[in-house]
Amino acid sequence: PYTDALAPAFHEINAAWIADMFTLEPHDEHVLSHPREAIIDRGGVILF
């Protein structure tokens, strides 16, 4: 499950594939940089 210690891995893994195939959009940057705020604190789930 998500922990704040894993937040850098969330950003790194996703930023890599998105930037490789597309362009990181503002929505991507927000979610990847603030996963607790954008997902967890709103009732969402992040798994690794």
ModelCIF file with pLDDT and N, C-alpha, C, O atoms, coordinates in Angstrom:
data_MODEL
#
_entry.id   MODEL 
#
_entity.id                         1 
_entity.type                       polymer 
_entity.pdbx_number_of_molecules   1 
#
_entity_poly.entity_id                      1 
_entity_poly.type                           'polypeptide(L)' 
_entity_poly.nstd_linkage                   no 
_entity_poly.nstd_monomer                   no 
_entity_poly.pdbx_seq_one_letter_code       PYTDALAPAFHEINAAWIADMFTLEPHDEHVLSHPREAIIDRGGVILF 
_entity_poly.pdbx_seq_one_letter_code_can   PYTDALAPAFHEINAAWIADMFTLEPHDEHVLSHPREAIIDRGGVILF 
_entity_poly.pdbx_strand_id                 A 
#
loop_
_entity_poly_seq.entity_id 
_entity_poly_seq.num 
_entity_poly_seq.mon_id 
_entity_poly_seq.hetero 
1 1  PRO n 
1 2  TYR n 
1 3  THR n 
1 4  ASP n 
1 5  ALA n 
1 6  LEU n 
1 7  ALA n 
1 8  PRO n 
1 9  ALA n 
1 10 PHE n 
1 11 HIS n 
1 12 GLU n 
1 13 ILE n 
1 14 ASN n 
1 15 ALA n 
1 16 ALA n 
1 17 TRP n 
1 18 ILE n 
1 19 ALA n 
1 20 ASP n 
1 21 MET n 
1 22 PHE n 
1 23 THR n 
1 24 LEU n 
1 25 GLU n 
1 26 PRO n 
1 27 HIS n 
1 28 ASP n 
1 29 GLU n 
1 30 HIS n 
1 31 VAL n 
1 32 LEU n 
1 33 SER n 
1 34 HIS n 
1 35 PRO n 
1 36 ARG n 
1 37 GLU n 
1 38 ALA n 
1 39 ILE n 
1 40 ILE n 
1 41 ASP n 
1 42 ARG n 
1 43 GLY n 
1 44 GLY n 
1 45 VAL n 
1 46 ILE n 
1 47 LEU n 
1 48 PHE n 
#
_struct_asym.id          A 
_struct_asym.entity_id   1 
#
loop_
_ma_qa_metric.id 
_ma_qa_metric.mode 
_ma_qa_metric.name 
_ma_qa_metric.software_group_id 
_ma_qa_metric.type 
1 global pLDDT . pLDDT 
2 local  pLDDT . pLDDT 
#
_ma_qa_metric_global.metric_id      1 
_ma_qa_metric_global.metric_value   95.92 
_ma_qa_metric_global.model_id       1 
_ma_qa_metric_global.ordinal_id     1 
#
loop_
_ma_qa_metric_local.label_asym_id 
_ma_qa_metric_local.label_comp_id 
_ma_qa_metric_local.label_seq_id 
_ma_qa_metric_local.metric_id 
_ma_qa_metric_local.metric_value 
_ma_qa_metric_local.model_id 
_ma_qa_metric_local.ordinal_id 
A PRO 1  2 98.00 1 1  
A TYR 2  2 98.00 1 2  
A THR 3  2 98.00 1 3  
A ASP 4  2 97.00 1 4  
A ALA 5  2 98.00 1 5  
A LEU 6  2 98.00 1 6  
A ALA 7  2 98.00 1 7  
A PRO 8  2 98.00 1 8  
A ALA 9  2 98.00 1 9  
A PHE 10 2 98.00 1 10 
A HIS 11 2 98.00 1 11 
A GLU 12 2 97.00 1 12 
A ILE 13 2 98.00 1 13 
A ASN 14 2 96.00 1 14 
A ALA 15 2 97.00 1 15 
A ALA 16 2 96.00 1 16 
A TRP 17 2 94.00 1 17 
A ILE 18 2 94.00 1 18 
A ALA 19 2 93.00 1 19 
A ASP 20 2 92.00 1 20 
A MET 21 2 91.00 1 21 
A PHE 22 2 91.00 1 22 
A THR 23 2 90.00 1 23 
A LEU 24 2 92.00 1 24 
A GLU 25 2 90.00 1 25 
A PRO 26 2 91.00 1 26 
A HIS 27 2 89.00 1 27 
A ASP 28 2 93.00 1 28 
A GLU 29 2 94.00 1 29 
A HIS 30 2 95.00 1 30 
A VAL 31 2 96.00 1 31 
A LEU 32 2 97.00 1 32 
A SER 33 2 97.00 1 33 
A HIS 34 2 97.00 1 34 
A PRO 35 2 98.00 1 35 
A ARG 36 2 98.00 1 36 
A GLU 37 2 97.00 1 37 
A ALA 38 2 97.00 1 38 
A ILE 39 2 98.00 1 39 
A ILE 40 2 98.00 1 40 
A ASP 41 2 98.00 1 41 
A ARG 42 2 97.00 1 42 
A GLY 43 2 96.00 1 43 
A GLY 44 2 98.00 1 44 
A VAL 45 2 98.00 1 45 
A ILE 46 2 98.00 1 46 
A LEU 47 2 98.00 1 47 
A PHE 48 2 98.00 1 48 
#
loop_
_atom_site.group_PDB 
_atom_site.id 
_atom_site.type_symbol 
_atom_site.label_atom_id 
_atom_site.label_alt_id 
_atom_site.label_comp_id 
_atom_site.label_asym_id 
_atom_site.label_entity_id 
_atom_site.label_seq_id 
_atom_site.pdbx_PDB_ins_code 
_atom_site.Cartn_x 
_atom_site.Cartn_y 
_atom_site.Cartn_z 
_atom_site.occupancy 
_atom_site.B_iso_or_equiv 
_atom_site.pdbx_formal_charge 
_atom_site.auth_seq_id 
_atom_site.auth_comp_id 
_atom_site.auth_asym_id 
_atom_site.auth_atom_id 
_atom_site.pdbx_PDB_model_num 
ATOM 1   N N  . PRO A 1 1  ? 0.834   -1.202 0.000   1.00 98.00 ? 1  PRO A N  1 
ATOM 2   C CA . PRO A 1 1  ? 0.000   0.000  0.000   1.00 98.00 ? 1  PRO A CA 1 
ATOM 3   C C  . PRO A 1 1  ? 0.871   1.254  0.000   1.00 98.00 ? 1  PRO A C  1 
ATOM 4   O O  . PRO A 1 1  ? 2.072   1.195  0.260   1.00 98.00 ? 1  PRO A O  1 
ATOM 5   N N  . TYR A 1 2  ? 0.257   2.358  -0.289  1.00 98.00 ? 2  TYR A N  1 
ATOM 6   C CA . TYR A 1 2  ? 0.942   3.648  -0.298  1.00 98.00 ? 2  TYR A CA 1 
ATOM 7   C C  . TYR A 1 2  ? 1.476   4.002  1.084   1.00 98.00 ? 2  TYR A C  1 
ATOM 8   O O  . TYR A 1 2  ? 0.814   3.801  2.102   1.00 98.00 ? 2  TYR A O  1 
ATOM 9   N N  . THR A 1 3  ? 2.678   4.527  1.085   1.00 98.00 ? 3  THR A N  1 
ATOM 10  C CA . THR A 1 3  ? 3.242   5.235  2.242   1.00 98.00 ? 3  THR A CA 1 
ATOM 11  C C  . THR A 1 3  ? 3.926   6.468  1.677   1.00 98.00 ? 3  THR A C  1 
ATOM 12  O O  . THR A 1 3  ? 4.296   6.492  0.503   1.00 98.00 ? 3  THR A O  1 
ATOM 13  N N  . ASP A 1 4  ? 4.096   7.482  2.497   1.00 97.00 ? 4  ASP A N  1 
ATOM 14  C CA . ASP A 1 4  ? 4.770   8.683  2.012   1.00 97.00 ? 4  ASP A CA 1 
ATOM 15  C C  . ASP A 1 4  ? 6.194   8.368  1.546   1.00 97.00 ? 4  ASP A C  1 
ATOM 16  O O  . ASP A 1 4  ? 6.717   9.046  0.662   1.00 97.00 ? 4  ASP A O  1 
ATOM 17  N N  . ALA A 1 5  ? 6.812   7.364  2.121   1.00 98.00 ? 5  ALA A N  1 
ATOM 18  C CA . ALA A 1 5  ? 8.164   6.983  1.714   1.00 98.00 ? 5  ALA A CA 1 
ATOM 19  C C  . ALA A 1 5  ? 8.190   6.455  0.273   1.00 98.00 ? 5  ALA A C  1 
ATOM 20  O O  . ALA A 1 5  ? 9.227   6.509  -0.387  1.00 98.00 ? 5  ALA A O  1 
ATOM 21  N N  . LEU A 1 6  ? 7.055   5.946  -0.215  1.00 98.00 ? 6  LEU A N  1 
ATOM 22  C CA . LEU A 1 6  ? 6.983   5.427  -1.580  1.00 98.00 ? 6  LEU A CA 1 
ATOM 23  C C  . LEU A 1 6  ? 6.549   6.480  -2.599  1.00 98.00 ? 6  LEU A C  1 
ATOM 24  O O  . LEU A 1 6  ? 6.511   6.200  -3.798  1.00 98.00 ? 6  LEU A O  1 
ATOM 25  N N  . ALA A 1 7  ? 6.223   7.681  -2.136  1.00 98.00 ? 7  ALA A N  1 
ATOM 26  C CA . ALA A 1 7  ? 5.790   8.748  -3.052  1.00 98.00 ? 7  ALA A CA 1 
ATOM 27  C C  . ALA A 1 7  ? 6.812   9.014  -4.164  1.00 98.00 ? 7  ALA A C  1 
ATOM 28  O O  . ALA A 1 7  ? 6.398   9.214  -5.306  1.00 98.00 ? 7  ALA A O  1 
ATOM 29  N N  . PRO A 1 8  ? 8.124   9.028  -3.891  1.00 98.00 ? 8  PRO A N  1 
ATOM 30  C CA . PRO A 1 8  ? 9.076   9.243  -4.986  1.00 98.00 ? 8  PRO A CA 1 
ATOM 31  C C  . PRO A 1 8  ? 9.004   8.152  -6.059  1.00 98.00 ? 8  PRO A C  1 
ATOM 32  O O  . PRO A 1 8  ? 9.172   8.453  -7.241  1.00 98.00 ? 8  PRO A O  1 
ATOM 33  N N  . ALA A 1 9  ? 8.765   6.918  -5.684  1.00 98.00 ? 9  ALA A N  1 
ATOM 34  C CA . ALA A 1 9  ? 8.632   5.836  -6.666  1.00 98.00 ? 9  ALA A CA 1 
ATOM 35  C C  . ALA A 1 9  ? 7.377   6.046  -7.516  1.00 98.00 ? 9  ALA A C  1 
ATOM 36  O O  . ALA A 1 9  ? 7.399   5.792  -8.720  1.00 98.00 ? 9  ALA A O  1 
ATOM 37  N N  . PHE A 1 10 ? 6.296   6.504  -6.908  1.00 98.00 ? 10 PHE A N  1 
ATOM 38  C CA . PHE A 1 10 ? 5.061   6.800  -7.644  1.00 98.00 ? 10 PHE A CA 1 
ATOM 39  C C  . PHE A 1 10 ? 5.350   7.834  -8.733  1.00 98.00 ? 10 PHE A C  1 
ATOM 40  O O  . PHE A 1 10 ? 4.944   7.673  -9.884  1.00 98.00 ? 10 PHE A O  1 
ATOM 41  N N  . HIS A 1 11 ? 6.055   8.891  -8.350  1.00 98.00 ? 11 HIS A N  1 
ATOM 42  C CA . HIS A 1 11 ? 6.395   9.949  -9.298  1.00 98.00 ? 11 HIS A CA 1 
ATOM 43  C C  . HIS A 1 11 ? 7.334   9.429  -10.381 1.00 98.00 ? 11 HIS A C  1 
ATOM 44  O O  . HIS A 1 11 ? 7.080   9.618  -11.571 1.00 98.00 ? 11 HIS A O  1 
ATOM 45  N N  . GLU A 1 12 ? 8.410   8.781  -9.974  1.00 97.00 ? 12 GLU A N  1 
ATOM 46  C CA . GLU A 1 12 ? 9.450   8.340  -10.905 1.00 97.00 ? 12 GLU A CA 1 
ATOM 47  C C  . GLU A 1 12 ? 8.924   7.368  -11.961 1.00 97.00 ? 12 GLU A C  1 
ATOM 48  O O  . GLU A 1 12 ? 9.174   7.548  -13.153 1.00 97.00 ? 12 GLU A O  1 
ATOM 49  N N  . ILE A 1 13 ? 8.200   6.343  -11.526 1.00 98.00 ? 13 ILE A N  1 
ATOM 50  C CA . ILE A 1 13 ? 7.699   5.327  -12.459 1.00 98.00 ? 13 ILE A CA 1 
ATOM 51  C C  . ILE A 1 13 ? 6.727   5.939  -13.461 1.00 98.00 ? 13 ILE A C  1 
ATOM 52  O O  . ILE A 1 13 ? 6.810   5.665  -14.659 1.00 98.00 ? 13 ILE A O  1 
ATOM 53  N N  . ASN A 1 14 ? 5.814   6.757  -12.978 1.00 96.00 ? 14 ASN A N  1 
ATOM 54  C CA . ASN A 1 14 ? 4.821   7.346  -13.877 1.00 96.00 ? 14 ASN A CA 1 
ATOM 55  C C  . ASN A 1 14 ? 5.396   8.442  -14.762 1.00 96.00 ? 14 ASN A C  1 
ATOM 56  O O  . ASN A 1 14 ? 5.078   8.504  -15.950 1.00 96.00 ? 14 ASN A O  1 
ATOM 57  N N  . ALA A 1 15 ? 6.230   9.301  -14.210 1.00 97.00 ? 15 ALA A N  1 
ATOM 58  C CA . ALA A 1 15 ? 6.824   10.369 -15.018 1.00 97.00 ? 15 ALA A CA 1 
ATOM 59  C C  . ALA A 1 15 ? 7.647   9.776  -16.153 1.00 97.00 ? 15 ALA A C  1 
ATOM 60  O O  . ALA A 1 15 ? 7.677   10.329 -17.253 1.00 97.00 ? 15 ALA A O  1 
ATOM 61  N N  . ALA A 1 16 ? 8.314   8.656  -15.896 1.00 96.00 ? 16 ALA A N  1 
ATOM 62  C CA . ALA A 1 16 ? 9.156   8.038  -16.919 1.00 96.00 ? 16 ALA A CA 1 
ATOM 63  C C  . ALA A 1 16 ? 8.336   7.575  -18.116 1.00 96.00 ? 16 ALA A C  1 
ATOM 64  O O  . ALA A 1 16 ? 8.676   7.899  -19.254 1.00 96.00 ? 16 ALA A O  1 
ATOM 65  N N  . TRP A 1 17 ? 7.254   6.818  -17.879 1.00 94.00 ? 17 TRP A N  1 
ATOM 66  C CA . TRP A 1 17 ? 6.509   6.303  -19.030 1.00 94.00 ? 17 TRP A CA 1 
ATOM 67  C C  . TRP A 1 17 ? 5.716   7.399  -19.729 1.00 94.00 ? 17 TRP A C  1 
ATOM 68  O O  . TRP A 1 17 ? 5.589   7.388  -20.953 1.00 94.00 ? 17 TRP A O  1 
ATOM 69  N N  . ILE A 1 18 ? 5.177   8.354  -18.954 1.00 94.00 ? 18 ILE A N  1 
ATOM 70  C CA . ILE A 1 18 ? 4.403   9.430  -19.584 1.00 94.00 ? 18 ILE A CA 1 
ATOM 71  C C  . ILE A 1 18 ? 5.318   10.288 -20.452 1.00 94.00 ? 18 ILE A C  1 
ATOM 72  O O  . ILE A 1 18 ? 4.982   10.585 -21.598 1.00 94.00 ? 18 ILE A O  1 
ATOM 73  N N  . ALA A 1 19 ? 6.470   10.689 -19.916 1.00 93.00 ? 19 ALA A N  1 
ATOM 74  C CA . ALA A 1 19 ? 7.400   11.527 -20.679 1.00 93.00 ? 19 ALA A CA 1 
ATOM 75  C C  . ALA A 1 19 ? 7.974   10.781 -21.878 1.00 93.00 ? 19 ALA A C  1 
ATOM 76  O O  . ALA A 1 19 ? 8.282   11.392 -22.901 1.00 93.00 ? 19 ALA A O  1 
ATOM 77  N N  . ASP A 1 20 ? 8.118   9.466  -21.757 1.00 92.00 ? 20 ASP A N  1 
ATOM 78  C CA . ASP A 1 20 ? 8.646   8.669  -22.861 1.00 92.00 ? 20 ASP A CA 1 
ATOM 79  C C  . ASP A 1 20 ? 7.672   8.624  -24.041 1.00 92.00 ? 20 ASP A C  1 
ATOM 80  O O  . ASP A 1 20 ? 8.091   8.643  -25.199 1.00 92.00 ? 20 ASP A O  1 
ATOM 81  N N  . MET A 1 21 ? 6.379   8.566  -23.744 1.00 91.00 ? 21 MET A N  1 
ATOM 82  C CA . MET A 1 21 ? 5.378   8.411  -24.803 1.00 91.00 ? 21 MET A CA 1 
ATOM 83  C C  . MET A 1 21 ? 4.635   9.702  -25.146 1.00 91.00 ? 21 MET A C  1 
ATOM 84  O O  . MET A 1 21 ? 4.163   9.875  -26.270 1.00 91.00 ? 21 MET A O  1 
ATOM 85  N N  . PHE A 1 22 ? 4.536   10.600 -24.177 1.00 91.00 ? 22 PHE A N  1 
ATOM 86  C CA . PHE A 1 22 ? 3.703   11.791 -24.335 1.00 91.00 ? 22 PHE A CA 1 
ATOM 87  C C  . PHE A 1 22 ? 4.427   12.998 -23.738 1.00 91.00 ? 22 PHE A C  1 
ATOM 88  O O  . PHE A 1 22 ? 5.656   13.060 -23.727 1.00 91.00 ? 22 PHE A O  1 
ATOM 89  N N  . THR A 1 23 ? 3.647   13.945 -23.248 1.00 90.00 ? 23 THR A N  1 
ATOM 90  C CA . THR A 1 23 ? 4.158   15.096 -22.525 1.00 90.00 ? 23 THR A CA 1 
ATOM 91  C C  . THR A 1 23 ? 3.460   15.120 -21.174 1.00 90.00 ? 23 THR A C  1 
ATOM 92  O O  . THR A 1 23 ? 2.248   14.921 -21.090 1.00 90.00 ? 23 THR A O  1 
ATOM 93  N N  . LEU A 1 24 ? 4.223   15.362 -20.125 1.00 92.00 ? 24 LEU A N  1 
ATOM 94  C CA . LEU A 1 24 ? 3.601   15.511 -18.811 1.00 92.00 ? 24 LEU A CA 1 
ATOM 95  C C  . LEU A 1 24 ? 2.708   16.747 -18.845 1.00 92.00 ? 24 LEU A C  1 
ATOM 96  O O  . LEU A 1 24 ? 3.168   17.850 -19.141 1.00 92.00 ? 24 LEU A O  1 
ATOM 97  N N  . GLU A 1 25 ? 1.444   16.553 -18.542 1.00 90.00 ? 25 GLU A N  1 
ATOM 98  C CA . GLU A 1 25 ? 0.482   17.642 -18.528 1.00 90.00 ? 25 GLU A CA 1 
ATOM 99  C C  . GLU A 1 25 ? 0.379   18.196 -17.102 1.00 90.00 ? 25 GLU A C  1 
ATOM 100 O O  . GLU A 1 25 ? 0.796   17.526 -16.157 1.00 90.00 ? 25 GLU A O  1 
ATOM 101 N N  . PRO A 1 26 ? -0.163  19.398 -16.928 1.00 91.00 ? 26 PRO A N  1 
ATOM 102 C CA . PRO A 1 26 ? -0.281  19.973 -15.583 1.00 91.00 ? 26 PRO A CA 1 
ATOM 103 C C  . PRO A 1 26 ? -1.001  19.046 -14.594 1.00 91.00 ? 26 PRO A C  1 
ATOM 104 O O  . PRO A 1 26 ? -0.615  18.955 -13.428 1.00 91.00 ? 26 PRO A O  1 
ATOM 105 N N  . HIS A 1 27 ? -2.041  18.364 -15.065 1.00 89.00 ? 27 HIS A N  1 
ATOM 106 C CA . HIS A 1 27 ? -2.769  17.436 -14.188 1.00 89.00 ? 27 HIS A CA 1 
ATOM 107 C C  . HIS A 1 27 ? -1.842  16.305 -13.729 1.00 89.00 ? 27 HIS A C  1 
ATOM 108 O O  . HIS A 1 27 ? -1.876  15.910 -12.563 1.00 89.00 ? 27 HIS A O  1 
ATOM 109 N N  . ASP A 1 28 ? -1.019  15.785 -14.641 1.00 93.00 ? 28 ASP A N  1 
ATOM 110 C CA . ASP A 1 28 ? -0.049  14.750 -14.284 1.00 93.00 ? 28 ASP A CA 1 
ATOM 111 C C  . ASP A 1 28 ? 0.900   15.262 -13.205 1.00 93.00 ? 28 ASP A C  1 
ATOM 112 O O  . ASP A 1 28 ? 1.104   14.609 -12.182 1.00 93.00 ? 28 ASP A O  1 
ATOM 113 N N  . GLU A 1 29 ? 1.468   16.421 -13.441 1.00 94.00 ? 29 GLU A N  1 
ATOM 114 C CA . GLU A 1 29 ? 2.440   16.989 -12.500 1.00 94.00 ? 29 GLU A CA 1 
ATOM 115 C C  . GLU A 1 29 ? 1.844   17.145 -11.110 1.00 94.00 ? 29 GLU A C  1 
ATOM 116 O O  . GLU A 1 29 ? 2.491   16.838 -10.109 1.00 94.00 ? 29 GLU A O  1 
ATOM 117 N N  . HIS A 1 30 ? 0.606   17.624 -11.053 1.00 95.00 ? 30 HIS A N  1 
ATOM 118 C CA . HIS A 1 30 ? -0.034  17.818 -9.743  1.00 95.00 ? 30 HIS A CA 1 
ATOM 119 C C  . HIS A 1 30 ? -0.206  16.484 -9.020  1.00 95.00 ? 30 HIS A C  1 
ATOM 120 O O  . HIS A 1 30 ? 0.182   16.346 -7.860  1.00 95.00 ? 30 HIS A O  1 
ATOM 121 N N  . VAL A 1 31 ? -0.784  15.512 -9.704  1.00 96.00 ? 31 VAL A N  1 
ATOM 122 C CA . VAL A 1 31 ? -1.047  14.213 -9.079  1.00 96.00 ? 31 VAL A CA 1 
ATOM 123 C C  . VAL A 1 31 ? 0.256   13.522 -8.684  1.00 96.00 ? 31 VAL A C  1 
ATOM 124 O O  . VAL A 1 31 ? 0.356   12.970 -7.588  1.00 96.00 ? 31 VAL A O  1 
ATOM 125 N N  . LEU A 1 32 ? 1.249   13.548 -9.564  1.00 97.00 ? 32 LEU A N  1 
ATOM 126 C CA . LEU A 1 32 ? 2.509   12.864 -9.275  1.00 97.00 ? 32 LEU A CA 1 
ATOM 127 C C  . LEU A 1 32 ? 3.298   13.552 -8.161  1.00 97.00 ? 32 LEU A C  1 
ATOM 128 O O  . LEU A 1 32 ? 3.991   12.890 -7.390  1.00 97.00 ? 32 LEU A O  1 
ATOM 129 N N  . SER A 1 33 ? 3.195   14.855 -8.078  1.00 97.00 ? 33 SER A N  1 
ATOM 130 C CA . SER A 1 33 ? 3.933   15.604 -7.051  1.00 97.00 ? 33 SER A CA 1 
ATOM 131 C C  . SER A 1 33 ? 3.219   15.643 -5.710  1.00 97.00 ? 33 SER A C  1 
ATOM 132 O O  . SER A 1 33 ? 3.846   15.891 -4.680  1.00 97.00 ? 33 SER A O  1 
ATOM 133 N N  . HIS A 1 34 ? 1.915   15.401 -5.712  1.00 97.00 ? 34 HIS A N  1 
ATOM 134 C CA . HIS A 1 34 ? 1.121   15.483 -4.481  1.00 97.00 ? 34 HIS A CA 1 
ATOM 135 C C  . HIS A 1 34 ? 0.174   14.284 -4.363  1.00 97.00 ? 34 HIS A C  1 
ATOM 136 O O  . HIS A 1 34 ? -1.038  14.479 -4.269  1.00 97.00 ? 34 HIS A O  1 
ATOM 137 N N  . PRO A 1 35 ? 0.690   13.049 -4.364  1.00 98.00 ? 35 PRO A N  1 
ATOM 138 C CA . PRO A 1 35 ? -0.201  11.886 -4.362  1.00 98.00 ? 35 PRO A CA 1 
ATOM 139 C C  . PRO A 1 35 ? -1.072  11.775 -3.112  1.00 98.00 ? 35 PRO A C  1 
ATOM 140 O O  . PRO A 1 35 ? -2.215  11.324 -3.193  1.00 98.00 ? 35 PRO A O  1 
ATOM 141 N N  . ARG A 1 36 ? -0.550  12.176 -1.975  1.00 98.00 ? 36 ARG A N  1 
ATOM 142 C CA . ARG A 1 36 ? -1.367  12.112 -0.752  1.00 98.00 ? 36 ARG A CA 1 
ATOM 143 C C  . ARG A 1 36 ? -2.557  13.058 -0.887  1.00 98.00 ? 36 ARG A C  1 
ATOM 144 O O  . ARG A 1 36 ? -3.697  12.664 -0.642  1.00 98.00 ? 36 ARG A O  1 
ATOM 145 N N  . GLU A 1 37 ? -2.299  14.287 -1.271  1.00 97.00 ? 37 GLU A N  1 
ATOM 146 C CA . GLU A 1 37 ? -3.352  15.296 -1.400  1.00 97.00 ? 37 GLU A CA 1 
ATOM 147 C C  . GLU A 1 37 ? -4.327  14.946 -2.527  1.00 97.00 ? 37 GLU A C  1 
ATOM 148 O O  . GLU A 1 37 ? -5.542  15.025 -2.344  1.00 97.00 ? 37 GLU A O  1 
ATOM 149 N N  . ALA A 1 38 ? -3.799  14.562 -3.686  1.00 97.00 ? 38 ALA A N  1 
ATOM 150 C CA . ALA A 1 38 ? -4.631  14.351 -4.866  1.00 97.00 ? 38 ALA A CA 1 
ATOM 151 C C  . ALA A 1 38 ? -5.410  13.041 -4.842  1.00 97.00 ? 38 ALA A C  1 
ATOM 152 O O  . ALA A 1 38 ? -6.471  12.941 -5.458  1.00 97.00 ? 38 ALA A O  1 
ATOM 153 N N  . ILE A 1 39 ? -4.894  12.036 -4.136  1.00 98.00 ? 39 ILE A N  1 
ATOM 154 C CA . ILE A 1 39 ? -5.529  10.707 -4.186  1.00 98.00 ? 39 ILE A CA 1 
ATOM 155 C C  . ILE A 1 39 ? -5.878  10.188 -2.790  1.00 98.00 ? 39 ILE A C  1 
ATOM 156 O O  . ILE A 1 39 ? -7.053  9.981  -2.490  1.00 98.00 ? 39 ILE A O  1 
ATOM 157 N N  . ILE A 1 40 ? -4.902  9.981  -1.956  1.00 98.00 ? 40 ILE A N  1 
ATOM 158 C CA . ILE A 1 40 ? -5.100  9.309  -0.656  1.00 98.00 ? 40 ILE A CA 1 
ATOM 159 C C  . ILE A 1 40 ? -6.056  10.071 0.250   1.00 98.00 ? 40 ILE A C  1 
ATOM 160 O O  . ILE A 1 40 ? -7.014  9.494  0.765   1.00 98.00 ? 40 ILE A O  1 
ATOM 161 N N  . ASP A 1 41 ? -5.804  11.368 0.451   1.00 98.00 ? 41 ASP A N  1 
ATOM 162 C CA . ASP A 1 41 ? -6.637  12.152 1.368   1.00 98.00 ? 41 ASP A CA 1 
ATOM 163 C C  . ASP A 1 41 ? -8.061  12.339 0.865   1.00 98.00 ? 41 ASP A C  1 
ATOM 164 O O  . ASP A 1 41 ? -8.937  12.751 1.625   1.00 98.00 ? 41 ASP A O  1 
ATOM 165 N N  . ARG A 1 42 ? -8.298  12.041 -0.402  1.00 97.00 ? 42 ARG A N  1 
ATOM 166 C CA . ARG A 1 42 ? -9.644  12.151 -0.978  1.00 97.00 ? 42 ARG A CA 1 
ATOM 167 C C  . ARG A 1 42 ? -10.368 10.806 -0.985  1.00 97.00 ? 42 ARG A C  1 
ATOM 168 O O  . ARG A 1 42 ? -11.458 10.689 -1.546  1.00 97.00 ? 42 ARG A O  1 
ATOM 169 N N  . GLY A 1 43 ? -9.761  9.783  -0.358  1.00 96.00 ? 43 GLY A N  1 
ATOM 170 C CA . GLY A 1 43 ? -10.407 8.475  -0.292  1.00 96.00 ? 43 GLY A CA 1 
ATOM 171 C C  . GLY A 1 43 ? -9.936  7.499  -1.353  1.00 96.00 ? 43 GLY A C  1 
ATOM 172 O O  . GLY A 1 43 ? -10.530 6.435  -1.527  1.00 96.00 ? 43 GLY A O  1 
ATOM 173 N N  . GLY A 1 44 ? -8.884  7.849  -2.057  1.00 98.00 ? 44 GLY A N  1 
ATOM 174 C CA . GLY A 1 44 ? -8.367  6.974  -3.101  1.00 98.00 ? 44 GLY A CA 1 
ATOM 175 C C  . GLY A 1 44 ? -7.328  5.998  -2.579  1.00 98.00 ? 44 GLY A C  1 
ATOM 176 O O  . GLY A 1 44 ? -7.045  5.930  -1.383  1.00 98.00 ? 44 GLY A O  1 
ATOM 177 N N  . VAL A 1 45 ? -6.776  5.257  -3.504  1.00 98.00 ? 45 VAL A N  1 
ATOM 178 C CA . VAL A 1 45 ? -5.850  4.169  -3.188  1.00 98.00 ? 45 VAL A CA 1 
ATOM 179 C C  . VAL A 1 45 ? -4.659  4.248  -4.150  1.00 98.00 ? 45 VAL A C  1 
ATOM 180 O O  . VAL A 1 45 ? -4.833  4.505  -5.341  1.00 98.00 ? 45 VAL A O  1 
ATOM 181 N N  . ILE A 1 46 ? -3.468  4.028  -3.632  1.00 98.00 ? 46 ILE A N  1 
ATOM 182 C CA . ILE A 1 46 ? -2.287  3.847  -4.464  1.00 98.00 ? 46 ILE A CA 1 
ATOM 183 C C  . ILE A 1 46 ? -1.629  2.549  -4.016  1.00 98.00 ? 46 ILE A C  1 
ATOM 184 O O  . ILE A 1 46 ? -1.377  2.342  -2.829  1.00 98.00 ? 46 ILE A O  1 
ATOM 185 N N  . LEU A 1 47 ? -1.356  1.684  -4.978  1.00 98.00 ? 47 LEU A N  1 
ATOM 186 C CA . LEU A 1 47 ? -0.689  0.422  -4.696  1.00 98.00 ? 47 LEU A CA 1 
ATOM 187 C C  . LEU A 1 47 ? 0.623   0.346  -5.471  1.00 98.00 ? 47 LEU A C  1 
ATOM 188 O O  . LEU A 1 47 ? 0.807   1.003  -6.496  1.00 98.00 ? 47 LEU A O  1 
ATOM 189 N N  . PHE A 1 48 ? 1.518   -0.470 -4.951  1.00 98.00 ? 48 PHE A N  1 
ATOM 190 C CA . PHE A 1 48 ? 2.817   -0.695 -5.585  1.00 98.00 ? 48 PHE A CA 1 
ATOM 191 C C  . PHE A 1 48 ? 3.037   -2.191 -5.718  1.00 98.00 ? 48 PHE A C  1 
ATOM 192 O O  . PHE A 1 48 ? 4.072   -2.619 -6.228  1.00 98.00 ? 48 PHE A O  1 
#
